[in-house]
Amino acid sequence: MSLLDVQNLRVRYGDKTILDGVNFSLEEGGWLMIVGPNGAGKSTIVNAISQGVPYTGEVRVLGKDVRRYRAHELARLVGVLAQTHTMGYGFTVGSVVRLGRYAYAPGLFSAGHAEDDDAVAQALALTGLTEIVDQNVLTLSGGELQRTFLAQLFAQNPRVLLLDEPTNHLDLVYQKQVFELIRAWLKTPGRAVASVVHDLSLARAYGSHALLLDGGKTLSYGAISDVFSPANLDSAYEMDVSAWMRGLLAQWQE
């Protein structure tokens, strides 16, 4: 059984169709890269699966329609990392990461359990944040803040991660850190990842499968080596993508 199945997903805003009949699935250990030009509907897929926008079609997690899960039940299975984070209060890094355990609390004001402490500690260690656990998040760099929210997801311990541009606006070193952290998280059995990614090189380097969108429709879906064919990419981006990439690489080979 796949961890996530999306069938005939459609999203409309008024008279405008954003997604039109998109289908894909996530198998254990898979990392799906959702790619395509601006306005293709990539982020809308994440928003629909996480119940952020109305849609038609079916979204099933572990074979069950997501609409039939209670919010805390779904949070134990699916974690979402948004493009940007707005912090209006000076919480500590540890406090933000601990919010990932909210789905496991029996009540709003319940005390934490040892397993929560362990999950938070492991998430902090995995993301390299243990030494700044008491630091105010308003003082963090962009990379540190993104790692903090990634640690919150790791503490949440879902089966599926949905990532919307996880390295948006991050420097190269932080891009590498975040993608390597996700790759390490994915090594545990029973997990899968779907990421919206603009950088085709990152997508090719880390993804196992890809969903290439164009105008809200699926242009290609499958193994990333098949989806990232010159014909598919050139059609979606309306340019010679391979030639462009080779030209960029040539600058570093002189």
Protein backbone atom coordinates (compact mmCIF):
# COMPACT_ATOMS: atom_id res chain seq x y z
CA MET A 1 0.00 0.00 0.00
CA SER A 2 1.32 3.46 -0.87
CA LEU A 3 1.55 6.09 1.84
CA LEU A 4 -0.18 8.79 -0.22
CA ASP A 5 -2.49 8.51 -3.23
CA VAL A 6 -3.81 11.50 -5.15
CA GLN A 7 -6.46 10.82 -7.76
CA ASN A 8 -8.04 13.25 -10.21
CA LEU A 9 -7.13 16.30 -8.09
CA ARG A 10 -8.82 19.47 -9.29
CA VAL A 11 -8.69 22.96 -7.80
CA ARG A 12 -10.59 25.95 -9.13
CA TYR A 13 -10.59 29.59 -8.03
CA GLY A 14 -13.75 31.05 -9.50
CA ASP A 15 -13.59 30.45 -13.24
CA LYS A 16 -9.87 29.68 -13.20
CA THR A 17 -8.65 26.08 -13.08
CA ILE A 18 -5.43 25.79 -11.07
CA LEU A 19 -5.11 21.99 -11.06
CA ASP A 20 -6.83 19.77 -13.59
CA GLY A 21 -6.95 16.03 -12.96
CA VAL A 22 -3.57 15.46 -11.30
CA ASN A 23 -2.68 11.91 -10.23
CA PHE A 24 0.32 10.55 -8.32
CA SER A 25 1.29 8.33 -5.41
CA LEU A 26 4.05 8.14 -2.81
CA GLU A 27 5.60 4.81 -1.95
CA GLU A 28 7.71 4.07 1.10
CA GLY A 29 11.20 5.51 0.70
CA GLY A 30 10.22 7.65 -2.28
CA TRP A 31 11.05 11.32 -2.73
CA LEU A 32 8.75 12.95 -5.27
CA MET A 33 9.85 16.25 -6.78
CA ILE A 34 6.98 18.44 -7.95
CA VAL A 35 8.36 20.73 -10.64
CA GLY A 36 7.19 23.02 -13.41
CA PRO A 37 7.19 26.67 -14.44
CA ASN A 38 5.69 29.45 -12.33
CA GLY A 39 1.91 29.23 -12.15
CA ALA A 40 1.86 25.50 -12.94
CA GLY A 41 -0.01 24.68 -9.69
CA LYS A 42 2.85 23.16 -7.70
CA SER A 43 2.19 24.79 -4.31
CA THR A 44 -1.55 24.28 -4.74
CA ILE A 45 -0.97 20.53 -4.58
CA VAL A 46 0.58 20.88 -1.11
CA ASN A 47 -2.22 23.20 -0.01
CA ALA A 48 -4.90 20.80 -1.21
CA ILE A 49 -3.40 17.71 0.43
CA SER A 50 -3.02 19.60 3.73
CA GLN A 51 -6.66 20.72 3.46
CA GLY A 52 -5.73 24.35 2.94
CA VAL A 53 -7.83 24.84 -0.21
CA PRO A 54 -11.05 23.19 -1.45
CA TYR A 55 -10.64 20.55 -4.14
CA THR A 56 -12.37 17.73 -5.93
CA GLY A 57 -10.93 14.29 -6.42
CA GLU A 58 -9.42 11.97 -3.82
CA VAL A 59 -6.49 12.34 -1.46
CA ARG A 60 -5.83 9.17 0.53
CA VAL A 61 -3.24 8.61 3.26
CA LEU A 62 -2.57 4.96 4.11
CA GLY A 63 -5.64 4.09 2.03
CA LYS A 64 -8.02 6.39 3.92
CA ASP A 65 -9.53 9.63 2.62
CA VAL A 66 -7.84 12.53 4.41
CA ARG A 67 -11.24 14.12 5.05
CA ARG A 68 -12.08 11.21 7.34
CA TYR A 69 -9.13 11.84 9.65
CA ARG A 70 -9.39 14.10 12.67
CA ALA A 71 -6.90 16.95 12.61
CA HIS A 72 -4.59 15.44 15.22
CA GLU A 73 -4.77 12.02 13.50
CA LEU A 74 -3.74 13.52 10.16
CA ALA A 75 -0.94 15.49 11.83
CA ARG A 76 0.57 12.22 13.05
CA LEU A 77 0.77 11.02 9.46
CA VAL A 78 1.44 14.11 7.33
CA GLY A 79 3.77 17.02 8.11
CA VAL A 80 3.93 20.22 6.05
CA LEU A 81 6.79 22.71 5.69
CA ALA A 82 5.70 26.02 4.19
CA GLN A 83 7.81 28.33 2.02
CA THR A 84 8.05 31.11 4.58
CA HIS A 85 7.60 31.46 8.34
CA THR A 86 6.48 34.54 10.22
CA MET A 87 7.48 34.66 13.86
CA GLY A 88 5.83 37.42 15.88
CA TYR A 89 6.96 36.23 19.30
CA GLY A 90 10.33 35.45 20.79
CA PHE A 91 9.90 31.74 21.38
CA THR A 92 12.99 29.65 21.94
CA VAL A 93 14.16 27.14 19.38
CA GLY A 94 13.21 24.32 21.74
CA SER A 95 9.69 25.66 22.24
CA VAL A 96 9.07 25.86 18.50
CA VAL A 97 10.36 22.34 17.95
CA ARG A 98 8.24 21.00 20.82
CA LEU A 99 5.10 22.27 19.06
CA GLY A 100 5.62 19.33 16.73
CA ARG A 101 4.42 17.07 19.54
CA TYR A 102 1.04 18.81 19.82
CA ALA A 103 -0.66 16.08 17.76
CA TYR A 104 0.24 13.55 20.44
CA ALA A 105 -1.06 15.54 23.42
CA PRO A 106 -4.27 14.11 24.98
CA GLY A 107 -5.44 17.61 25.90
CA LEU A 108 -4.62 21.26 25.29
CA PHE A 109 -2.90 21.74 28.64
CA SER A 110 -1.47 18.25 29.02
CA ALA A 111 2.00 17.82 30.39
CA GLY A 112 4.67 16.36 28.14
CA HIS A 113 5.78 12.76 28.31
CA ALA A 114 9.23 11.19 28.18
CA GLU A 115 8.63 10.11 24.57
CA ASP A 116 7.96 13.75 23.67
CA ASP A 117 11.25 14.79 25.27
CA ASP A 118 13.06 12.06 23.37
CA ALA A 119 11.46 13.03 20.05
CA VAL A 120 12.37 16.70 20.53
CA ALA A 121 15.93 15.86 21.57
CA GLN A 122 16.41 13.61 18.55
CA ALA A 123 15.00 16.25 16.20
CA LEU A 124 17.30 18.92 17.64
CA ALA A 125 20.30 16.62 17.33
CA LEU A 126 19.47 15.61 13.75
CA THR A 127 19.18 19.23 12.64
CA GLY A 128 22.23 20.43 14.58
CA LEU A 129 20.25 22.77 16.84
CA THR A 130 21.00 21.30 20.27
CA GLU A 131 23.50 24.03 21.16
CA ILE A 132 21.02 26.84 20.42
CA VAL A 133 17.94 25.20 21.92
CA ASP A 134 17.40 28.18 24.25
CA GLN A 135 18.02 30.87 21.63
CA ASN A 136 15.28 33.31 20.63
CA VAL A 137 14.02 32.40 17.15
CA LEU A 138 13.81 36.10 16.25
CA THR A 139 17.61 36.17 16.32
CA LEU A 140 18.14 33.21 13.97
CA SER A 141 19.53 33.30 10.45
CA GLY A 142 17.32 32.14 7.60
CA GLY A 143 19.02 28.76 7.52
CA GLU A 144 18.72 28.28 11.27
CA LEU A 145 15.04 29.21 11.22
CA GLN A 146 14.31 26.79 8.39
CA ARG A 147 16.15 24.03 10.26
CA THR A 148 14.09 24.88 13.35
CA PHE A 149 10.83 24.29 11.52
CA LEU A 150 12.25 21.18 9.90
CA ALA A 151 13.14 19.92 13.40
CA GLN A 152 9.54 20.63 14.44
CA LEU A 153 8.40 18.32 11.64
CA PHE A 154 10.91 15.67 12.65
CA ALA A 155 9.61 15.84 16.23
CA GLN A 156 6.09 15.46 14.83
CA ASN A 157 7.32 12.18 13.32
CA PRO A 158 4.86 11.89 10.43
CA ARG A 159 4.93 9.22 7.75
CA VAL A 160 4.81 11.75 4.89
CA LEU A 161 6.56 15.12 4.56
CA LEU A 162 5.10 17.75 2.21
CA LEU A 163 7.67 20.46 1.54
CA ASP A 164 6.87 23.66 -0.36
CA GLU A 165 10.17 25.10 -1.59
CA PRO A 166 12.10 23.96 1.50
CA THR A 167 15.21 25.95 0.54
CA ASN A 168 13.51 29.06 -0.78
CA HIS A 169 15.76 32.14 -0.31
CA LEU A 170 18.48 30.09 1.41
CA ASP A 171 22.20 30.33 0.63
CA LEU A 172 23.90 27.36 -1.01
CA VAL A 173 25.30 25.96 2.22
CA TYR A 174 21.83 25.95 3.80
CA GLN A 175 20.28 24.41 0.70
CA LYS A 176 22.70 21.52 1.00
CA GLN A 177 22.10 21.20 4.76
CA VAL A 178 18.32 21.06 4.42
CA PHE A 179 18.28 18.54 1.57
CA GLU A 180 20.82 16.33 3.31
CA LEU A 181 18.73 16.42 6.51
CA ILE A 182 15.63 15.35 4.60
CA ARG A 183 17.58 12.57 2.88
CA ALA A 184 18.77 11.31 6.29
CA TRP A 185 15.21 11.45 7.70
CA LEU A 186 13.93 9.46 4.73
CA LYS A 187 16.26 6.53 5.47
CA THR A 188 13.96 5.34 8.28
CA PRO A 189 11.50 2.76 6.89
CA GLY A 190 7.85 3.76 6.42
CA ARG A 191 8.48 7.33 5.30
CA ALA A 192 8.13 9.31 2.09
CA VAL A 193 8.60 12.90 0.92
CA ALA A 194 7.00 15.15 -1.69
CA SER A 195 8.72 18.49 -2.40
CA VAL A 196 7.85 21.47 -4.53
CA VAL A 197 11.20 22.48 -6.05
CA HIS A 198 12.22 25.15 -8.55
CA ASP A 199 15.86 24.13 -8.83
CA LEU A 200 15.94 21.26 -11.33
CA SER A 201 19.50 20.34 -10.37
CA LEU A 202 18.50 19.82 -6.73
CA ALA A 203 15.44 17.89 -7.82
CA ARG A 204 17.53 15.61 -10.03
CA ALA A 205 20.18 15.10 -7.34
CA TYR A 206 17.81 14.09 -4.53
CA GLY A 207 14.53 12.91 -6.05
CA SER A 208 13.52 9.36 -6.89
CA HIS A 209 10.40 10.38 -8.83
CA ALA A 210 9.03 13.56 -10.33
CA LEU A 211 5.72 15.15 -11.24
CA LEU A 212 6.15 17.71 -14.02
CA LEU A 213 3.27 20.17 -14.23
CA ASP A 214 2.38 22.64 -16.94
CA GLY A 215 -0.69 24.84 -16.77
CA GLY A 216 -2.19 22.83 -13.92
CA LYS A 217 -1.96 19.55 -15.82
CA THR A 218 0.46 16.65 -15.62
CA LEU A 219 2.97 16.78 -18.44
CA SER A 220 4.93 13.79 -17.11
CA TYR A 221 5.06 11.61 -14.00
CA GLY A 222 7.31 8.73 -13.04
CA ALA A 223 10.95 7.95 -12.34
CA ILE A 224 12.88 11.21 -12.28
CA SER A 225 15.26 10.11 -15.05
CA ASP A 226 12.28 9.54 -17.34
CA VAL A 227 10.41 12.72 -16.41
CA PHE A 228 13.52 14.88 -16.80
CA SER A 229 13.94 14.05 -20.47
CA PRO A 230 14.93 16.93 -22.77
CA ALA A 231 11.62 16.71 -24.59
CA ASN A 232 9.55 16.96 -21.41
CA LEU A 233 11.56 19.80 -19.88
CA ASP A 234 11.76 21.78 -23.11
CA SER A 235 8.00 21.50 -23.53
CA ALA A 236 7.24 22.66 -19.99
CA TYR A 237 9.71 25.54 -19.82
CA GLU A 238 9.59 26.53 -23.50
CA MET A 239 13.37 26.60 -23.80
CA ASP A 240 16.28 24.24 -24.36
CA VAL A 241 16.77 23.32 -20.71
CA SER A 242 19.63 20.87 -21.30
CA ALA A 243 21.60 23.44 -23.29
CA TRP A 244 21.05 26.03 -20.58
CA MET A 245 22.22 23.65 -17.86
CA ARG A 246 25.28 22.58 -19.86
CA GLY A 247 26.16 26.22 -20.42
CA LEU A 248 26.02 26.93 -16.71
CA LEU A 249 28.18 23.89 -15.94
CA ALA A 250 30.74 24.86 -18.60
CA GLN A 251 31.52 28.05 -16.70
CA TRP A 252 32.97 25.92 -13.87
CA GLN A 253 35.01 23.68 -16.17
CA GLU A 254 37.23 26.34 -17.73
